[in-house]
Amino acid sequence: MRRDFHITLSMQSIRLCMLIGLFASVTVVICNTILYSYENIAFWPQWALNLSYWAGSIVLAFAALGFVPTYFALRPAGQFWAIVTSGFLAYFVALGSAGHGSFFSYYSVLQATEVNPEEKVLEALLAPIQTYNQFLFLACVLILLLGSVFYSVLILVKPTVYPKWMIFCNPALITLPIYILSSTEDIYPLLRIVSNGIGFHLGLSGHFLLTYYFLRQSSE
């Protein structure tokens, strides 16, 4: 006999998931901004490296819970598509936690080459470590794009809790101008530090808050 299971959560549980996701995202922003405030990687202190490393490697993974409300907001479009879309976005954060942590071995070797430029062994380590990092980074970007595209298409063509204008508030689209700012050399240094610290978290935090708001509205 076939049985279909209908998952339900109270608004209190949904709010808790949103708050955990928001806390994780904001924590990483704060720790990354502290690290980037030292600008030149050669001068990044070990305590700031540790802070950003542990925040990204451990705390960031909890931001995946922030996409539990996304599932409920998208579920009117169909349970399958809601699971696929929120699953891609949650997996992006979970994989991003590993990707974030992987960069710090590269930073450590890079700092060591600054202190010991004659050490060819250290210099030889940079290329393979950077390759590993870039692979994870590209995988994260691809998953974020997939989740964001599914998200916007579902809102556009199917019924969801979101208003139609939310197609422009997908995490990838919000992240793009922040990434462009952080990669621009000729901007005010404070703006570059802040944009580097924010990364993709403006897209995440904004999404968590708006999703909870629209779910709350739909439940009243």
Protein backbone atom coordinates (compact mmCIF):
# COMPACT_ATOMS: atom_id res chain seq x y z
CA MET A 1 0.00 0.00 0.00
CA ARG A 2 1.34 3.41 -0.98
CA ARG A 3 1.51 6.07 1.71
CA ASP A 4 2.30 9.74 1.14
CA PHE A 5 3.82 11.57 4.08
CA HIS A 6 2.91 15.20 4.65
CA ILE A 7 5.59 17.02 6.64
CA THR A 8 4.42 19.83 8.92
CA LEU A 9 6.22 22.20 11.28
CA SER A 10 4.91 24.82 13.67
CA MET A 11 5.74 28.48 13.04
CA GLN A 12 7.89 28.36 16.19
CA SER A 13 9.99 25.57 14.65
CA ILE A 14 10.23 27.41 11.35
CA ARG A 15 11.31 30.57 13.18
CA LEU A 16 13.97 28.59 15.07
CA CYS A 17 15.37 27.21 11.78
CA MET A 18 15.43 30.73 10.35
CA LEU A 19 17.20 32.14 13.44
CA ILE A 20 19.83 29.39 13.44
CA GLY A 21 20.51 29.96 9.74
CA LEU A 22 20.67 33.73 10.26
CA PHE A 23 22.97 33.39 13.28
CA ALA A 24 25.34 31.11 11.34
CA SER A 25 25.45 33.42 8.34
CA VAL A 26 25.99 36.61 10.36
CA THR A 27 28.68 34.93 12.52
CA VAL A 28 30.71 34.05 9.43
CA VAL A 29 30.31 37.60 8.07
CA ILE A 30 31.65 39.09 11.31
CA CYS A 31 34.62 36.70 11.51
CA ASN A 32 35.50 37.12 7.83
CA THR A 33 35.27 40.91 8.05
CA ILE A 34 37.67 40.91 11.00
CA LEU A 35 40.12 38.81 8.98
CA TYR A 36 39.85 40.92 5.81
CA SER A 37 40.30 44.15 7.79
CA TYR A 38 44.03 43.31 7.90
CA GLU A 39 43.99 43.46 4.07
CA ASN A 40 47.45 42.07 3.14
CA ILE A 41 47.41 38.30 3.69
CA ALA A 42 51.00 38.41 4.91
CA PHE A 43 49.79 40.36 7.96
CA TRP A 44 46.77 38.25 8.83
CA PRO A 45 47.25 37.29 12.50
CA GLN A 46 46.85 33.66 13.51
CA TRP A 47 44.00 34.38 15.94
CA ALA A 48 41.95 36.03 13.14
CA LEU A 49 42.71 33.12 10.80
CA ASN A 50 41.58 30.68 13.49
CA LEU A 51 38.41 32.67 14.15
CA SER A 52 37.39 32.77 10.49
CA TYR A 53 38.41 29.14 9.92
CA TRP A 54 36.34 27.73 12.78
CA ALA A 55 33.38 30.00 12.04
CA GLY A 56 33.28 28.90 8.42
CA SER A 57 34.08 25.23 8.99
CA ILE A 58 31.74 24.60 11.92
CA VAL A 59 29.15 27.36 12.25
CA LEU A 60 28.43 27.85 8.52
CA ALA A 61 27.03 24.33 8.11
CA PHE A 62 24.17 25.25 10.46
CA ALA A 63 23.01 27.85 7.92
CA ALA A 64 21.59 24.91 5.95
CA LEU A 65 18.74 24.83 8.51
CA GLY A 66 17.74 28.26 7.23
CA PHE A 67 16.48 26.59 4.05
CA VAL A 68 13.96 24.43 5.89
CA PRO A 69 11.47 27.35 5.74
CA THR A 70 12.27 27.63 2.00
CA TYR A 71 10.92 24.12 1.52
CA PHE A 72 7.59 25.09 3.11
CA ALA A 73 7.40 28.33 1.12
CA LEU A 74 7.92 26.41 -2.14
CA ARG A 75 5.82 23.36 -1.29
CA PRO A 76 2.62 24.67 -2.97
CA ALA A 77 4.57 24.24 -6.25
CA GLY A 78 4.91 20.53 -5.52
CA GLN A 79 6.77 18.60 -2.85
CA PHE A 80 9.33 17.16 -5.26
CA TRP A 81 10.40 20.54 -6.62
CA ALA A 82 10.39 22.10 -3.16
CA ILE A 83 12.74 19.36 -1.90
CA VAL A 84 15.03 19.64 -4.94
CA THR A 85 15.32 23.43 -4.75
CA SER A 86 15.72 23.82 -0.99
CA GLY A 87 17.98 20.75 -1.03
CA PHE A 88 20.35 22.31 -3.57
CA LEU A 89 20.52 25.54 -1.55
CA ALA A 90 21.06 23.72 1.75
CA TYR A 91 23.74 21.51 0.16
CA PHE A 92 25.48 24.64 -1.15
CA VAL A 93 25.90 25.88 2.42
CA ALA A 94 26.97 22.46 3.72
CA LEU A 95 29.56 22.02 0.96
CA GLY A 96 30.55 25.67 1.36
CA SER A 97 31.50 24.89 4.94
CA ALA A 98 34.09 22.39 3.68
CA GLY A 99 35.16 24.74 0.91
CA HIS A 100 35.61 27.64 3.32
CA GLY A 101 37.81 25.59 5.62
CA SER A 102 39.94 24.27 2.77
CA PHE A 103 41.26 27.74 1.93
CA PHE A 104 43.09 28.14 5.22
CA SER A 105 45.80 25.58 4.49
CA TYR A 106 46.51 27.60 1.34
CA TYR A 107 46.65 30.83 3.35
CA SER A 108 49.06 29.25 5.85
CA VAL A 109 51.41 28.01 3.12
CA LEU A 110 51.23 31.40 1.39
CA GLN A 111 52.20 33.16 4.61
CA ALA A 112 55.06 30.67 5.12
CA THR A 113 56.44 31.46 1.66
CA GLU A 114 56.42 35.16 2.57
CA VAL A 115 58.61 34.41 5.58
CA ASN A 116 60.77 31.78 3.81
CA PRO A 117 60.86 32.74 0.11
CA GLU A 118 63.82 30.41 -0.52
CA GLU A 119 61.79 27.33 0.46
CA LYS A 120 60.90 25.80 -2.90
CA VAL A 121 58.98 22.95 -1.28
CA LEU A 122 56.51 25.42 0.22
CA GLU A 123 56.13 27.19 -3.10
CA ALA A 124 55.49 23.87 -4.83
CA LEU A 125 52.59 23.18 -2.45
CA LEU A 126 50.68 26.30 -3.47
CA ALA A 127 49.58 25.13 -6.94
CA PRO A 128 47.99 21.78 -5.94
CA ILE A 129 46.33 23.24 -2.84
CA GLN A 130 44.90 26.07 -4.93
CA THR A 131 43.58 23.53 -7.46
CA TYR A 132 41.77 21.64 -4.69
CA ASN A 133 40.26 24.88 -3.42
CA GLN A 134 39.14 26.03 -6.85
CA PHE A 135 37.43 22.71 -7.53
CA LEU A 136 35.38 22.98 -4.33
CA PHE A 137 34.67 26.64 -5.00
CA LEU A 138 33.39 25.95 -8.51
CA ALA A 139 31.27 23.04 -7.24
CA CYS A 140 29.71 25.38 -4.64
CA VAL A 141 29.02 28.05 -7.27
CA LEU A 142 27.40 25.51 -9.60
CA ILE A 143 25.14 24.19 -6.84
CA LEU A 144 24.19 27.73 -5.78
CA LEU A 145 23.31 28.58 -9.39
CA LEU A 146 21.22 25.44 -9.80
CA GLY A 147 19.32 26.06 -6.57
CA SER A 148 18.79 29.73 -7.39
CA VAL A 149 17.56 29.03 -10.93
CA PHE A 150 15.12 26.36 -9.71
CA TYR A 151 13.95 28.78 -7.01
CA SER A 152 13.21 31.65 -9.41
CA VAL A 153 11.60 29.43 -12.07
CA LEU A 154 9.29 27.82 -9.49
CA ILE A 155 8.16 31.21 -8.21
CA LEU A 156 7.59 32.42 -11.78
CA VAL A 157 5.59 29.47 -13.13
CA LYS A 158 4.02 27.76 -10.13
CA PRO A 159 2.10 28.79 -7.00
CA THR A 160 4.30 29.43 -3.95
CA VAL A 161 4.12 31.50 -0.78
CA TYR A 162 6.46 34.06 -2.38
CA PRO A 163 5.25 37.06 -4.43
CA LYS A 164 6.43 37.02 -8.05
CA TRP A 165 9.00 39.80 -7.53
CA MET A 166 10.97 37.41 -5.30
CA ILE A 167 12.40 35.84 -8.48
CA PHE A 168 14.92 38.71 -8.33
CA CYS A 169 15.85 37.93 -4.72
CA ASN A 170 17.50 34.57 -5.25
CA PRO A 171 20.81 34.07 -3.38
CA ALA A 172 22.99 33.90 -6.53
CA LEU A 173 21.60 37.12 -8.00
CA ILE A 174 22.12 39.04 -4.75
CA THR A 175 25.64 37.63 -4.37
CA LEU A 176 26.77 38.72 -7.85
CA PRO A 177 27.16 42.49 -7.21
CA ILE A 178 28.85 41.78 -3.86
CA TYR A 179 31.36 39.50 -5.60
CA ILE A 180 32.01 42.15 -8.29
CA LEU A 181 32.61 44.78 -5.59
CA SER A 182 35.02 42.53 -3.66
CA SER A 183 37.00 41.84 -6.86
CA THR A 184 37.31 45.52 -7.81
CA GLU A 185 40.68 47.07 -6.98
CA ASP A 186 39.86 50.75 -7.44
CA ILE A 187 37.22 51.13 -4.73
CA TYR A 188 37.28 52.58 -1.24
CA PRO A 189 39.25 50.09 0.94
CA LEU A 190 36.53 49.90 3.61
CA LEU A 191 33.96 48.98 0.96
CA ARG A 192 36.21 46.21 -0.35
CA ILE A 193 36.78 44.86 3.18
CA VAL A 194 33.04 44.82 3.93
CA SER A 195 32.12 43.22 0.59
CA ASN A 196 34.78 40.54 1.09
CA GLY A 197 33.42 39.86 4.56
CA ILE A 198 29.82 39.66 3.37
CA GLY A 199 30.48 37.33 0.42
CA PHE A 200 27.31 35.38 -0.39
CA HIS A 201 25.82 35.97 3.08
CA LEU A 202 23.72 39.00 2.13
CA GLY A 203 21.86 36.67 -0.22
CA LEU A 204 21.49 34.04 2.50
CA SER A 205 20.47 36.34 5.36
CA GLY A 206 18.06 38.32 3.20
CA HIS A 207 16.51 35.11 1.92
CA PHE A 208 16.05 33.68 5.42
CA LEU A 209 14.34 36.82 6.71
CA LEU A 210 12.05 37.32 3.70
CA THR A 211 11.06 33.65 3.62
CA TYR A 212 10.03 33.73 7.27
CA TYR A 213 8.12 36.98 6.71
CA PHE A 214 6.07 35.56 3.81
CA LEU A 215 5.44 32.27 5.61
CA ARG A 216 4.25 34.21 8.65
CA GLN A 217 1.95 36.29 6.48
CA SER A 218 0.49 33.21 4.77
CA SER A 219 -0.26 31.55 8.13
CA GLU A 220 -2.28 34.45 9.51
